[in-house]
Amino acid sequence: MASLAQPPFMMSANIVRRVHPAMQKSVKTPNTIHMPTFSHSWIKLSPVCCTKLTRWEPSSASYAPTESAGDNFLNKTSNIFETLSSISNDEAPETNSETHTDASNQTKTEFQVLKWPMWLLGPSVLLITGMVPTLWLPLSSIFLGPNIASLLSLVGLDCIYNLGATLFLLMADSCARPKQPEQACKSKPPFSYQFWNMVATVSGFIVPLIMAFGSQKGFLQPQLPFISFAVLLGPYLLLISVQILTEMLTWHWQSPVWLVTPVVYESYRLLQLMRGLKLGTELSAPAWMMHTIRGLVSWWVLILGMQLMRVAWFAGFSARTRKQEPPSADD
């Protein structure tokens, strides 16, 4: 084999030897083929100038300003890239603001659509869980006398109402929140309201316990058995404890429903006490116990009236505050 070590466009002589078979060893005449060599033959390439572009080459962009454009073409900066970037930066905030406005409007619409059914759904929950079992369910079907089964049946009725009251307060809190979710809503009751409200609630809790303690010690005659006292006023005391806990949580969370929480529980408390008067007649409760229940009914009617007066005062106070505020740009 011959090696090609010469530079390009040069041809060298290649000698190809013929190999004879073994049968012709006697003839030893070497035959060689000489090929002509063209040494140092260079090909000069002349430059080709063409104004036409090939099909795969893109054409260069050109711009010819019209007469209407005048001298205002890219007059912001001397660099075209800086001008284009400034234009895009100016357009981006406008697009983002429009998108944010559309999203907020859509959120407001959806929130308003969900708010309107709560005005009817919340009171309906209170009606179903509170008034229907108490007014239309006969006590004779769940009350079998002064025993544990009767006590558990009455507590079960009050627990059903407590679930309904909790759902109502959650829906009321959702309705009281502002339209825009990003706005903070913190409503803290005054200290005087908290103090007098706790005084009224604790008084209604302690007075029955004092009467029961006096009966057990023999100060009040005739004595009332503990199970009879639990049937008459046990659910009443339990619901007061739940009300105290709920009010403290609404004050801590600064929820707008702190004003209606006592009204929700105190209205049902009147039904509890009226039920206790009816059960006291069936249990042949002593006179001092019946007078105690009547006194509690009068006390809570007074407290409920004061709570409603406070709601009216707060509504007038909010109206005066809103009137003093300057009108906003949205209005």
Protein backbone atom coordinates (compact mmCIF):
# COMPACT_ATOMS: atom_id res chain seq x y z
CA MET A 1 0.00 0.00 0.00
CA ALA A 2 1.22 3.48 -0.72
CA SER A 3 0.91 6.25 1.86
CA LEU A 4 -0.49 9.69 0.99
CA ALA A 5 1.61 12.15 3.02
CA GLN A 6 1.77 14.99 0.52
CA PRO A 7 -0.19 18.24 0.87
CA PRO A 8 -3.51 18.65 -0.90
CA PHE A 9 -3.74 19.20 -4.66
CA MET A 10 -0.45 17.27 -5.14
CA MET A 11 -0.11 13.93 -6.75
CA SER A 12 2.85 11.54 -6.18
CA ALA A 13 4.00 8.50 -8.03
CA ASN A 14 2.51 5.33 -6.74
CA ILE A 15 4.21 2.07 -7.53
CA VAL A 16 1.98 -0.94 -7.68
CA ARG A 17 3.85 -4.22 -7.64
CA ARG A 18 2.34 -7.19 -9.37
CA VAL A 19 2.35 -10.33 -7.36
CA HIS A 20 2.89 -13.47 -9.43
CA PRO A 21 1.47 -16.77 -8.36
CA ALA A 22 3.73 -19.60 -7.28
CA MET A 23 3.47 -21.38 -10.59
CA GLN A 24 5.27 -18.57 -12.39
CA LYS A 25 8.28 -18.33 -10.05
CA SER A 26 10.59 -19.11 -12.89
CA VAL A 27 9.76 -15.87 -14.62
CA LYS A 28 11.21 -13.15 -12.42
CA THR A 29 10.72 -10.18 -14.59
CA PRO A 30 9.36 -7.48 -12.29
CA ASN A 31 6.74 -5.41 -13.89
CA THR A 32 6.15 -2.02 -12.46
CA ILE A 33 3.66 0.58 -13.48
CA HIS A 34 4.86 4.17 -13.31
CA MET A 35 2.23 6.85 -12.89
CA PRO A 36 3.02 10.42 -13.74
CA THR A 37 3.39 12.89 -10.89
CA PHE A 38 2.07 16.40 -10.96
CA SER A 39 4.01 18.20 -8.32
CA HIS A 40 3.20 21.61 -6.98
CA SER A 41 0.05 22.06 -8.97
CA TRP A 42 -2.00 24.74 -7.11
CA ILE A 43 -5.51 25.77 -7.95
CA LYS A 44 -6.33 29.40 -7.32
CA LEU A 45 -9.91 30.22 -6.28
CA SER A 46 -11.19 33.55 -7.37
CA PRO A 47 -13.82 35.33 -5.18
CA VAL A 48 -17.40 35.26 -6.41
CA CYS A 49 -19.51 38.33 -5.82
CA CYS A 50 -23.29 37.88 -5.91
CA THR A 51 -26.03 40.16 -4.81
CA LYS A 52 -28.70 37.50 -4.76
CA LEU A 53 -29.23 35.48 -1.57
CA THR A 54 -29.79 31.81 -1.44
CA ARG A 55 -33.05 30.30 -0.39
CA TRP A 56 -31.85 29.35 3.11
CA GLU A 57 -30.40 32.72 4.09
CA PRO A 58 -32.78 35.19 5.83
CA SER A 59 -33.09 38.66 4.46
CA SER A 60 -31.83 41.56 6.56
CA ALA A 61 -34.47 43.72 8.27
CA SER A 62 -34.85 47.20 6.98
CA TYR A 63 -37.03 50.05 8.04
CA ALA A 64 -38.04 53.02 5.99
CA PRO A 65 -39.68 55.77 8.04
CA THR A 66 -42.68 57.38 6.47
CA GLU A 67 -43.41 61.04 6.27
CA SER A 68 -46.07 60.83 9.03
CA ALA A 69 -43.58 59.40 11.48
CA GLY A 70 -41.27 62.37 11.13
CA ASP A 71 -38.44 62.56 13.61
CA ASN A 72 -40.36 60.77 16.42
CA PHE A 73 -39.09 57.31 15.57
CA LEU A 74 -37.40 55.88 18.70
CA ASN A 75 -36.79 59.30 20.12
CA LYS A 76 -36.77 58.09 23.76
CA THR A 77 -33.17 56.91 23.80
CA SER A 78 -30.34 56.57 21.40
CA ASN A 79 -30.27 52.80 21.79
CA ILE A 80 -33.06 50.75 20.27
CA PHE A 81 -32.80 48.01 22.92
CA GLU A 82 -33.13 50.48 25.78
CA THR A 83 -36.17 52.00 24.11
CA LEU A 84 -37.90 48.65 23.61
CA SER A 85 -37.15 47.57 27.18
CA SER A 86 -38.54 50.81 28.60
CA ILE A 87 -41.72 50.42 26.55
CA SER A 88 -42.20 46.85 27.78
CA ASN A 89 -41.60 47.92 31.38
CA ASP A 90 -44.21 50.65 31.07
CA GLU A 91 -46.78 48.26 29.64
CA ALA A 92 -46.14 45.48 32.18
CA PRO A 93 -47.49 47.30 35.30
CA GLU A 94 -50.63 48.26 33.41
CA THR A 95 -51.23 44.65 32.44
CA ASN A 96 -50.56 43.41 35.98
CA SER A 97 -52.91 46.00 37.48
CA GLU A 98 -55.66 45.08 35.04
CA THR A 99 -55.22 41.39 35.84
CA HIS A 100 -55.27 42.08 39.59
CA THR A 101 -58.41 44.20 39.23
CA ASP A 102 -60.21 41.50 37.24
CA ALA A 103 -59.21 38.84 39.80
CA SER A 104 -60.38 40.97 42.74
CA ASN A 105 -63.69 41.72 41.04
CA GLN A 106 -64.22 38.04 40.37
CA THR A 107 -63.42 37.21 44.01
CA LYS A 108 -65.87 39.86 45.23
CA THR A 109 -68.62 38.48 43.00
CA GLU A 110 -68.09 34.91 44.16
CA PHE A 111 -67.95 36.02 47.81
CA GLN A 112 -71.18 37.98 47.48
CA VAL A 113 -72.91 35.02 45.86
CA LEU A 114 -71.93 32.85 48.83
CA LYS A 115 -72.89 35.49 51.40
CA TRP A 116 -76.53 35.95 50.48
CA PRO A 117 -77.72 32.39 51.32
CA MET A 118 -76.15 32.69 54.80
CA TRP A 119 -78.69 35.35 55.78
CA LEU A 120 -81.41 32.71 55.47
CA LEU A 121 -79.41 29.59 56.23
CA GLY A 122 -78.07 30.77 59.62
CA PRO A 123 -81.47 31.53 61.24
CA SER A 124 -82.87 28.34 59.71
CA VAL A 125 -80.18 26.33 61.49
CA LEU A 126 -81.15 27.92 64.81
CA LEU A 127 -84.82 27.16 64.16
CA ILE A 128 -84.23 23.51 63.27
CA THR A 129 -81.77 22.70 66.06
CA GLY A 130 -83.35 24.77 68.84
CA MET A 131 -87.04 25.46 68.53
CA VAL A 132 -88.27 22.40 66.68
CA PRO A 133 -87.04 19.78 69.22
CA THR A 134 -88.09 21.90 72.21
CA LEU A 135 -91.55 22.99 71.03
CA TRP A 136 -92.77 20.05 68.96
CA LEU A 137 -91.09 17.08 70.64
CA PRO A 138 -93.24 15.97 73.57
CA LEU A 139 -91.34 15.73 76.83
CA SER A 140 -93.23 12.61 77.82
CA SER A 141 -91.43 10.66 75.10
CA ILE A 142 -87.98 11.47 76.52
CA PHE A 143 -88.77 12.18 80.17
CA LEU A 144 -89.29 9.07 82.28
CA GLY A 145 -88.79 10.56 85.70
CA PRO A 146 -85.89 11.85 87.78
CA ASN A 147 -83.20 9.46 86.52
CA ILE A 148 -80.00 9.41 84.47
CA ALA A 149 -81.80 8.58 81.20
CA SER A 150 -83.98 11.68 81.46
CA LEU A 151 -80.96 13.84 82.23
CA LEU A 152 -79.04 12.51 79.23
CA SER A 153 -82.05 13.05 76.95
CA LEU A 154 -82.35 16.69 77.98
CA VAL A 155 -78.59 17.24 77.63
CA GLY A 156 -78.76 15.69 74.15
CA LEU A 157 -81.39 18.23 73.09
CA ASP A 158 -79.21 21.08 74.33
CA CYS A 159 -76.14 19.67 72.57
CA ILE A 160 -78.07 19.66 69.29
CA TYR A 161 -78.85 23.33 69.81
CA ASN A 162 -75.25 24.06 70.73
CA LEU A 163 -74.11 22.62 67.40
CA GLY A 164 -76.62 24.78 65.56
CA ALA A 165 -75.56 27.88 67.52
CA THR A 166 -71.90 27.23 66.66
CA LEU A 167 -72.73 26.93 62.95
CA PHE A 168 -74.79 30.11 63.15
CA LEU A 169 -71.93 32.06 64.76
CA LEU A 170 -69.48 30.83 62.11
CA MET A 171 -71.80 31.96 59.31
CA ALA A 172 -72.42 35.29 61.06
CA ASP A 173 -68.67 35.81 61.35
CA SER A 174 -68.28 35.12 57.64
CA CYS A 175 -71.01 37.64 56.77
CA ALA A 176 -69.49 40.28 59.05
CA ARG A 177 -66.08 40.07 57.41
CA PRO A 178 -65.19 42.75 54.81
CA LYS A 179 -65.73 42.14 51.12
CA GLN A 180 -62.03 42.06 50.35
CA PRO A 181 -60.31 39.11 52.08
CA GLU A 182 -56.99 40.94 52.35
CA GLN A 183 -58.49 43.58 54.66
CA ALA A 184 -58.03 42.85 58.35
CA CYS A 185 -61.19 42.80 60.46
CA LYS A 186 -60.56 43.15 64.21
CA SER A 187 -63.49 43.99 66.46
CA LYS A 188 -62.67 44.19 70.15
CA PRO A 189 -65.45 44.82 72.68
CA PRO A 190 -64.91 47.51 75.34
CA PHE A 191 -63.78 46.46 78.78
CA SER A 192 -66.99 47.70 80.43
CA TYR A 193 -69.05 45.42 78.20
CA GLN A 194 -66.87 42.43 79.03
CA PHE A 195 -67.03 43.14 82.76
CA TRP A 196 -70.80 43.57 83.08
CA ASN A 197 -71.51 40.70 80.73
CA MET A 198 -69.36 38.36 82.80
CA VAL A 199 -71.05 39.62 86.00
CA ALA A 200 -74.50 38.82 84.59
CA THR A 201 -73.48 35.38 83.36
CA VAL A 202 -71.63 34.35 86.50
CA SER A 203 -74.54 35.54 88.65
CA GLY A 204 -76.94 33.34 86.73
CA PHE A 205 -74.52 30.43 87.24
CA ILE A 206 -73.80 30.88 90.95
CA VAL A 207 -77.34 31.51 92.27
CA PRO A 208 -78.73 28.01 91.42
CA LEU A 209 -75.60 26.39 92.89
CA ILE A 210 -76.09 28.34 96.15
CA MET A 211 -79.71 27.20 96.34
CA ALA A 212 -78.72 23.58 95.77
CA PHE A 213 -75.98 23.82 98.39
CA GLY A 214 -78.47 25.26 100.90
CA SER A 215 -80.86 22.40 100.19
CA GLN A 216 -78.16 19.78 100.74
CA LYS A 217 -77.13 21.41 104.03
CA GLY A 218 -80.73 21.55 105.29
CA PHE A 219 -81.16 25.33 105.15
CA LEU A 220 -84.00 24.99 102.63
CA GLN A 221 -86.90 22.65 103.32
CA PRO A 222 -88.06 20.34 101.92
CA GLN A 223 -84.84 19.04 100.47
CA LEU A 224 -84.53 18.42 96.74
CA PRO A 225 -82.70 15.24 95.62
CA PHE A 226 -79.59 15.78 93.55
CA ILE A 227 -80.87 13.90 90.50
CA SER A 228 -84.05 16.02 90.46
CA PHE A 229 -81.97 19.19 90.66
CA ALA A 230 -79.75 17.92 87.80
CA VAL A 231 -82.79 17.23 85.63
CA LEU A 232 -84.26 20.69 86.29
CA LEU A 233 -81.15 22.89 86.08
CA GLY A 234 -78.28 20.63 84.90
CA PRO A 235 -78.64 21.45 81.15
CA TYR A 236 -79.08 25.12 82.10
CA LEU A 237 -75.74 25.22 83.95
CA LEU A 238 -74.00 23.30 81.16
CA LEU A 239 -75.13 25.75 78.48
CA ILE A 240 -73.99 28.72 80.59
CA SER A 241 -70.51 27.16 80.74
CA VAL A 242 -70.51 26.78 76.95
CA GLN A 243 -71.60 30.41 76.54
CA ILE A 244 -68.79 31.70 78.78
CA LEU A 245 -66.23 29.71 76.79
CA THR A 246 -67.61 30.90 73.45
CA GLU A 247 -67.65 34.55 74.49
CA MET A 248 -64.09 34.40 75.74
CA LEU A 249 -62.97 32.89 72.42
CA THR A 250 -64.74 35.58 70.38
CA TRP A 251 -63.10 38.28 72.52
CA HIS A 252 -59.70 36.67 72.10
CA TRP A 253 -60.06 36.26 68.32
CA GLN A 254 -61.64 39.75 68.01
CA SER A 255 -64.49 38.35 65.98
CA PRO A 256 -67.37 40.67 64.97
CA VAL A 257 -69.93 38.21 66.44
CA TRP A 258 -69.13 39.10 70.06
CA LEU A 259 -72.22 41.34 70.11
CA VAL A 260 -74.73 38.64 69.10
CA THR A 261 -73.24 35.68 70.97
CA PRO A 262 -75.08 36.41 74.27
CA VAL A 263 -78.36 36.94 72.42
CA VAL A 264 -78.10 33.54 70.72
CA TYR A 265 -77.57 31.65 73.97
CA GLU A 266 -79.82 33.72 76.25
CA SER A 267 -82.86 33.33 73.99
CA TYR A 268 -82.57 29.55 74.22
CA ARG A 269 -81.92 29.79 77.96
CA LEU A 270 -85.41 31.16 78.44
CA LEU A 271 -86.77 28.03 76.75
CA GLN A 272 -84.67 25.89 79.08
CA LEU A 273 -86.08 27.60 82.15
CA MET A 274 -89.65 27.38 80.89
CA ARG A 275 -89.07 23.67 80.32
CA GLY A 276 -87.74 23.45 83.89
CA LEU A 277 -90.95 24.99 85.22
CA LYS A 278 -92.98 22.36 83.40
CA LEU A 279 -90.78 19.52 84.61
CA GLY A 280 -90.82 20.92 88.16
CA THR A 281 -94.59 20.53 88.23
CA GLU A 282 -94.31 16.89 87.12
CA LEU A 283 -91.57 16.18 89.68
CA SER A 284 -93.47 17.92 92.48
CA ALA A 285 -90.48 20.18 93.15
CA PRO A 286 -90.57 22.27 96.36
CA ALA A 287 -91.85 25.83 96.25
CA TRP A 288 -88.44 27.42 96.79
CA MET A 289 -87.14 25.62 93.69
CA MET A 290 -90.04 26.86 91.57
CA HIS A 291 -89.51 30.41 92.82
CA THR A 292 -85.81 30.13 91.99
CA ILE A 293 -86.58 29.12 88.41
CA ARG A 294 -89.10 31.97 88.05
CA GLY A 295 -86.48 34.39 89.36
CA LEU A 296 -83.95 33.10 86.81
CA VAL A 297 -86.49 33.59 84.01
CA SER A 298 -87.03 37.20 85.07
CA TRP A 299 -83.27 37.78 85.38
CA TRP A 300 -82.48 36.52 81.90
CA VAL A 301 -85.36 38.44 80.32
CA LEU A 302 -83.82 41.58 81.82
CA ILE A 303 -80.31 40.67 80.61
CA LEU A 304 -81.60 39.81 77.13
CA GLY A 305 -83.35 43.18 76.91
CA MET A 306 -80.14 44.94 77.90
CA GLN A 307 -78.23 43.02 75.24
CA LEU A 308 -80.73 44.05 72.56
CA MET A 309 -80.50 47.68 73.71
CA ARG A 310 -76.73 47.45 73.37
CA VAL A 311 -77.09 46.10 69.83
CA ALA A 312 -79.30 49.10 68.95
CA TRP A 313 -76.77 51.48 70.53
CA PHE A 314 -73.92 49.90 68.60
CA ALA A 315 -75.84 50.20 65.32
CA GLY A 316 -76.41 53.92 65.97
CA PHE A 317 -72.78 54.41 66.94
CA SER A 318 -71.62 52.75 63.70
CA ALA A 319 -73.97 54.96 61.68
CA ARG A 320 -72.59 58.12 63.29
CA THR A 321 -69.02 57.01 62.73
CA ARG A 322 -69.72 56.23 59.08
CA LYS A 323 -71.34 59.64 58.60
CA GLN A 324 -68.31 61.46 60.01
CA GLU A 325 -65.87 59.67 57.73
CA PRO A 326 -65.06 61.46 54.43
CA PRO A 327 -66.42 59.77 51.31
CA SER A 328 -63.91 57.49 49.64
CA ALA A 329 -62.93 57.52 45.97
CA ASP A 330 -64.70 54.20 45.32
CA ASP A 331 -68.05 55.69 46.30
